[in-house]
Amino acid sequence: MENITQKAEAFIQSYKRAMEKSLAPSPSLTECAAALASHYKPGFISFAFGQATDLTSNPQTTSPETIVAKHLERFDKAGFGWKVRLARHEIQVYSQGSAQCWLTWEIEPKGLEGWRWTNIYGFRLLPDERGVLVGEGVWEYCVSDQEIGGLLERCPKFFELA
């Protein structure tokens, strides 16, 4: 089980670096979105309040990068900006090839008081053709009730922002 913990820790650090692109002096929204989306497994599902969104269901019409970019754009349009950093994390190993990861994020909104939320991510090592768990892993799913709840509390029409 040590290997899965080490892999999950390394993956969290990689995801943290992707989100840290938002903290650059002149951040690129598309670069940050692409870096974040590169961590998602084909079939990645985001859950929030009983709704499930498959970020990879139709890559010919909407790429995961585009969906993540639109989400970050809404942060901006709501007046929050999208300077977000990882505040803490926790890993709970579930099996040889999977773990749940609690990532607590904090936002530094423009001219507003910041806040934190915790998302739960499913980390998965994928098997090769022989069934051996290999690679750096992927996010399989995310439960983001706290993130979405915090956004809607502060901007009730958050998802109506085009």
C-alpha atoms as a PDB file:
ATOM      1  CA  MET A   1       0.000   0.000   0.000  1.00  0.00           C
ATOM      2  CA  GLU A   2       3.010   2.288   0.357  1.00  0.00           C
ATOM      3  CA  ASN A   3       3.351   2.578  -3.431  1.00  0.00           C
ATOM      4  CA  ILE A   4      -0.215   3.858  -3.886  1.00  0.00           C
ATOM      5  CA  THR A   5       0.303   6.454  -1.144  1.00  0.00           C
ATOM      6  CA  GLN A   6       3.518   7.690  -2.757  1.00  0.00           C
ATOM      7  CA  LYS A   7       1.905   7.798  -6.196  1.00  0.00           C
ATOM      8  CA  ALA A   8      -1.139   9.666  -4.866  1.00  0.00           C
ATOM      9  CA  GLU A   9       1.112  12.158  -3.050  1.00  0.00           C
ATOM     10  CA  ALA A  10       3.139  12.807  -6.221  1.00  0.00           C
ATOM     11  CA  PHE A  11      -0.063  13.205  -8.234  1.00  0.00           C
ATOM     12  CA  ILE A  12      -1.501  15.689  -5.740  1.00  0.00           C
ATOM     13  CA  GLN A  13       1.708  17.720  -5.980  1.00  0.00           C
ATOM     14  CA  SER A  14       1.428  17.689  -9.780  1.00  0.00           C
ATOM     15  CA  TYR A  15      -2.198  18.853  -9.578  1.00  0.00           C
ATOM     16  CA  LYS A  16      -1.168  21.528  -7.067  1.00  0.00           C
ATOM     17  CA  ARG A  17       1.444  22.827  -9.531  1.00  0.00           C
ATOM     18  CA  ALA A  18      -1.219  22.912 -12.261  1.00  0.00           C
ATOM     19  CA  MET A  19      -3.509  25.029 -10.065  1.00  0.00           C
ATOM     20  CA  GLU A  20      -0.592  27.259  -9.055  1.00  0.00           C
ATOM     21  CA  LYS A  21      -0.540  28.508 -12.643  1.00  0.00           C
ATOM     22  CA  SER A  22      -3.439  30.704 -11.459  1.00  0.00           C
ATOM     23  CA  LEU A  23      -1.050  32.499  -9.077  1.00  0.00           C
ATOM     24  CA  ALA A  24       1.348  33.719 -11.786  1.00  0.00           C
ATOM     25  CA  PRO A  25       1.643  37.511 -12.220  1.00  0.00           C
ATOM     26  CA  SER A  26      -0.069  37.225 -15.623  1.00  0.00           C
ATOM     27  CA  PRO A  27      -1.852  33.875 -15.466  1.00  0.00           C
ATOM     28  CA  SER A  28      -3.051  32.100 -18.591  1.00  0.00           C
ATOM     29  CA  LEU A  29      -6.516  30.676 -18.068  1.00  0.00           C
ATOM     30  CA  THR A  30      -6.173  28.261 -20.988  1.00  0.00           C
ATOM     31  CA  GLU A  31      -2.765  27.037 -19.776  1.00  0.00           C
ATOM     32  CA  CYS A  32      -4.087  26.472 -16.254  1.00  0.00           C
ATOM     33  CA  ALA A  33      -7.221  24.704 -17.540  1.00  0.00           C
ATOM     34  CA  ALA A  34      -5.169  22.413 -19.796  1.00  0.00           C
ATOM     35  CA  ALA A  35      -2.772  21.568 -16.956  1.00  0.00           C
ATOM     36  CA  LEU A  36      -5.656  20.706 -14.627  1.00  0.00           C
ATOM     37  CA  ALA A  37      -7.586  18.715 -17.261  1.00  0.00           C
ATOM     38  CA  SER A  38      -4.491  16.627 -18.083  1.00  0.00           C
ATOM     39  CA  HIS A  39      -4.967  14.930 -14.701  1.00  0.00           C
ATOM     40  CA  TYR A  40      -8.424  13.571 -15.534  1.00  0.00           C
ATOM     41  CA  LYS A  41      -9.018  10.004 -16.676  1.00  0.00           C
ATOM     42  CA  PRO A  42     -11.163   9.486 -19.754  1.00  0.00           C
ATOM     43  CA  GLY A  43     -14.599   9.084 -18.195  1.00  0.00           C
ATOM     44  CA  PHE A  44     -13.775  11.475 -15.310  1.00  0.00           C
ATOM     45  CA  ILE A  45     -16.973  12.379 -13.482  1.00  0.00           C
ATOM     46  CA  SER A  46     -17.529  15.444 -11.317  1.00  0.00           C
ATOM     47  CA  PHE A  47     -20.315  15.097  -8.736  1.00  0.00           C
ATOM     48  CA  ALA A  48     -22.042  18.008  -6.984  1.00  0.00           C
ATOM     49  CA  PHE A  49     -25.374  17.903  -5.153  1.00  0.00           C
ATOM     50  CA  GLY A  50     -26.621  14.831  -7.016  1.00  0.00           C
ATOM     51  CA  GLN A  51     -25.564  16.092 -10.444  1.00  0.00           C
ATOM     52  CA  ALA A  52     -22.898  14.212 -12.396  1.00  0.00           C
ATOM     53  CA  THR A  53     -20.837  15.817 -15.156  1.00  0.00           C
ATOM     54  CA  ASP A  54     -18.644  13.721 -17.424  1.00  0.00           C
ATOM     55  CA  LEU A  55     -15.833  16.045 -18.497  1.00  0.00           C
ATOM     56  CA  THR A  56     -14.641  13.635 -21.167  1.00  0.00           C
ATOM     57  CA  SER A  57     -17.854  12.275 -22.692  1.00  0.00           C
ATOM     58  CA  ASN A  58     -17.672  14.041 -26.054  1.00  0.00           C
ATOM     59  CA  PRO A  59     -14.162  15.318 -26.783  1.00  0.00           C
ATOM     60  CA  GLN A  60     -15.113  16.147 -30.399  1.00  0.00           C
ATOM     61  CA  THR A  61     -17.521  18.878 -29.275  1.00  0.00           C
ATOM     62  CA  THR A  62     -16.253  19.898 -25.836  1.00  0.00           C
ATOM     63  CA  SER A  63     -12.847  19.031 -24.474  1.00  0.00           C
ATOM     64  CA  PRO A  64     -12.129  18.723 -20.746  1.00  0.00           C
ATOM     65  CA  GLU A  65      -9.824  21.745 -21.140  1.00  0.00           C
ATOM     66  CA  THR A  66     -12.740  23.809 -22.492  1.00  0.00           C
ATOM     67  CA  ILE A  67     -15.056  22.745 -19.649  1.00  0.00           C
ATOM     68  CA  VAL A  68     -12.418  23.598 -17.005  1.00  0.00           C
ATOM     69  CA  ALA A  69     -11.652  26.921 -18.741  1.00  0.00           C
ATOM     70  CA  LYS A  70     -15.369  27.860 -18.730  1.00  0.00           C
ATOM     71  CA  HIS A  71     -15.558  27.017 -15.018  1.00  0.00           C
ATOM     72  CA  LEU A  72     -12.574  29.270 -14.289  1.00  0.00           C
ATOM     73  CA  GLU A  73     -14.053  32.014 -16.503  1.00  0.00           C
ATOM     74  CA  ARG A  74     -17.217  31.924 -14.377  1.00  0.00           C
ATOM     75  CA  PHE A  75     -15.050  32.520 -11.281  1.00  0.00           C
ATOM     76  CA  ASP A  76     -13.819  35.686 -13.006  1.00  0.00           C
ATOM     77  CA  LYS A  77     -17.277  36.793 -14.176  1.00  0.00           C
ATOM     78  CA  ALA A  78     -18.637  36.297 -10.648  1.00  0.00           C
ATOM     79  CA  GLY A  79     -16.001  38.756  -9.448  1.00  0.00           C
ATOM     80  CA  PHE A  80     -13.879  36.225  -7.557  1.00  0.00           C
ATOM     81  CA  GLY A  81     -10.988  35.808  -9.940  1.00  0.00           C
ATOM     82  CA  TRP A  82      -9.408  32.364  -9.984  1.00  0.00           C
ATOM     83  CA  LYS A  83      -6.304  32.629  -7.834  1.00  0.00           C
ATOM     84  CA  VAL A  84      -6.607  29.324  -6.010  1.00  0.00           C
ATOM     85  CA  ARG A  85      -4.038  27.407  -3.980  1.00  0.00           C
ATOM     86  CA  LEU A  86      -3.929  24.071  -2.224  1.00  0.00           C
ATOM     87  CA  ALA A  87      -4.144  24.642   1.555  1.00  0.00           C
ATOM     88  CA  ARG A  88      -3.934  21.035   2.734  1.00  0.00           C
ATOM     89  CA  HIS A  89      -4.579  17.470   1.666  1.00  0.00           C
ATOM     90  CA  GLU A  90      -5.151  14.005   3.039  1.00  0.00           C
ATOM     91  CA  ILE A  91      -4.883  10.589   1.408  1.00  0.00           C
ATOM     92  CA  GLN A  92      -6.853   7.508   2.396  1.00  0.00           C
ATOM     93  CA  VAL A  93      -5.780   4.336   0.595  1.00  0.00           C
ATOM     94  CA  TYR A  94      -8.651   2.186  -0.543  1.00  0.00           C
ATOM     95  CA  SER A  95      -6.842  -0.580  -2.434  1.00  0.00           C
ATOM     96  CA  GLN A  96      -3.553  -1.353  -4.204  1.00  0.00           C
ATOM     97  CA  GLY A  97      -4.642   0.827  -7.087  1.00  0.00           C
ATOM     98  CA  SER A  98      -6.909   3.486  -5.623  1.00  0.00           C
ATOM     99  CA  ALA A  99      -7.149   6.111  -2.928  1.00  0.00           C
ATOM    100  CA  GLN A 100      -9.463   8.915  -1.967  1.00  0.00           C
ATOM    101  CA  CYS A 101      -7.814  12.296  -1.624  1.00  0.00           C
ATOM    102  CA  TRP A 102      -9.259  15.238   0.285  1.00  0.00           C
ATOM    103  CA  LEU A 103      -7.883  18.461  -1.180  1.00  0.00           C
ATOM    104  CA  THR A 104      -8.694  21.708   0.587  1.00  0.00           C
ATOM    105  CA  TRP A 105      -8.432  24.724  -1.682  1.00  0.00           C
ATOM    106  CA  GLU A 106      -8.459  28.406  -0.806  1.00  0.00           C
ATOM    107  CA  ILE A 107      -9.281  31.300  -3.065  1.00  0.00           C
ATOM    108  CA  GLU A 108      -7.976  34.857  -2.924  1.00  0.00           C
ATOM    109  CA  PRO A 109     -10.870  36.758  -4.481  1.00  0.00           C
ATOM    110  CA  LYS A 110     -10.467  40.265  -5.813  1.00  0.00           C
ATOM    111  CA  GLY A 111     -11.535  42.674  -3.080  1.00  0.00           C
ATOM    112  CA  LEU A 112     -13.482  40.036  -1.130  1.00  0.00           C
ATOM    113  CA  GLU A 113     -12.763  37.805   1.828  1.00  0.00           C
ATOM    114  CA  GLY A 114     -11.343  34.472   0.754  1.00  0.00           C
ATOM    115  CA  TRP A 115     -12.773  31.107   1.669  1.00  0.00           C
ATOM    116  CA  ARG A 116     -11.849  27.410   1.634  1.00  0.00           C
ATOM    117  CA  TRP A 117     -13.526  24.279   0.393  1.00  0.00           C
ATOM    118  CA  THR A 118     -12.632  20.611   0.295  1.00  0.00           C
ATOM    119  CA  ASN A 119     -13.145  18.432  -2.759  1.00  0.00           C
ATOM    120  CA  ILE A 120     -12.814  14.651  -2.625  1.00  0.00           C
ATOM    121  CA  TYR A 121     -10.902  13.146  -5.557  1.00  0.00           C
ATOM    122  CA  GLY A 122     -10.706   9.510  -6.537  1.00  0.00           C
ATOM    123  CA  PHE A 123      -7.126   8.611  -7.445  1.00  0.00           C
ATOM    124  CA  ARG A 124      -6.577   5.545  -9.632  1.00  0.00           C
ATOM    125  CA  LEU A 125      -3.546   3.708 -10.974  1.00  0.00           C
ATOM    126  CA  LEU A 126      -4.462   2.165 -14.300  1.00  0.00           C
ATOM    127  CA  PRO A 127      -3.486  -1.381 -15.306  1.00  0.00           C
ATOM    128  CA  ASP A 128      -1.438  -2.135 -18.401  1.00  0.00           C
ATOM    129  CA  GLU A 129      -2.404  -4.888 -20.844  1.00  0.00           C
ATOM    130  CA  ARG A 130      -1.069  -7.522 -18.364  1.00  0.00           C
ATOM    131  CA  GLY A 131      -3.108  -6.072 -15.490  1.00  0.00           C
ATOM    132  CA  VAL A 132      -0.074  -4.561 -13.747  1.00  0.00           C
ATOM    133  CA  LEU A 133      -0.746  -1.195 -12.114  1.00  0.00           C
ATOM    134  CA  VAL A 134       1.520   1.338 -13.791  1.00  0.00           C
ATOM    135  CA  GLY A 135       1.937   5.015 -14.482  1.00  0.00           C
ATOM    136  CA  GLU A 136       1.463   8.109 -12.424  1.00  0.00           C
ATOM    137  CA  GLY A 137      -2.271   7.689 -12.028  1.00  0.00           C
ATOM    138  CA  VAL A 138      -5.331   9.793 -12.811  1.00  0.00           C
ATOM    139  CA  TRP A 139      -8.272  11.466 -11.137  1.00  0.00           C
ATOM    140  CA  GLU A 140     -11.244   9.198 -11.709  1.00  0.00           C
ATOM    141  CA  TYR A 141     -13.889  11.388 -10.069  1.00  0.00           C
ATOM    142  CA  CYS A 142     -14.395  14.430  -7.868  1.00  0.00           C
ATOM    143  CA  VAL A 143     -17.079  15.276  -5.312  1.00  0.00           C
ATOM    144  CA  SER A 144     -17.284  19.062  -5.202  1.00  0.00           C
ATOM    145  CA  ASP A 145     -20.329  19.890  -3.053  1.00  0.00           C
ATOM    146  CA  GLN A 146     -18.356  22.332  -0.878  1.00  0.00           C
ATOM    147  CA  GLU A 147     -16.839  24.133  -3.876  1.00  0.00           C
ATOM    148  CA  ILE A 148     -20.137  24.519  -5.705  1.00  0.00           C
ATOM    149  CA  GLY A 149     -22.027  25.331  -2.497  1.00  0.00           C
ATOM    150  CA  GLY A 150     -19.557  28.107  -1.654  1.00  0.00           C
ATOM    151  CA  LEU A 151     -19.769  29.547  -5.150  1.00  0.00           C
ATOM    152  CA  LEU A 152     -23.579  29.505  -5.191  1.00  0.00           C
ATOM    153  CA  GLU A 153     -23.759  30.998  -1.693  1.00  0.00           C
ATOM    154  CA  ARG A 154     -21.699  33.958  -2.899  1.00  0.00           C
ATOM    155  CA  CYS A 155     -23.123  34.139  -6.433  1.00  0.00           C
ATOM    156  CA  PRO A 156     -26.528  32.374  -6.737  1.00  0.00           C
ATOM    157  CA  LYS A 157     -26.512  32.699 -10.537  1.00  0.00           C
ATOM    158  CA  PHE A 158     -22.963  31.366 -10.883  1.00  0.00           C
ATOM    159  CA  PHE A 159     -23.882  28.750 -13.510  1.00  0.00           C
ATOM    160  CA  GLU A 160     -25.888  31.266 -15.532  1.00  0.00           C
ATOM    161  CA  LEU A 161     -22.750  33.315 -16.180  1.00  0.00           C
ATOM    162  CA  ALA A 162     -21.887  32.688 -19.823  1.00  0.00           C
END
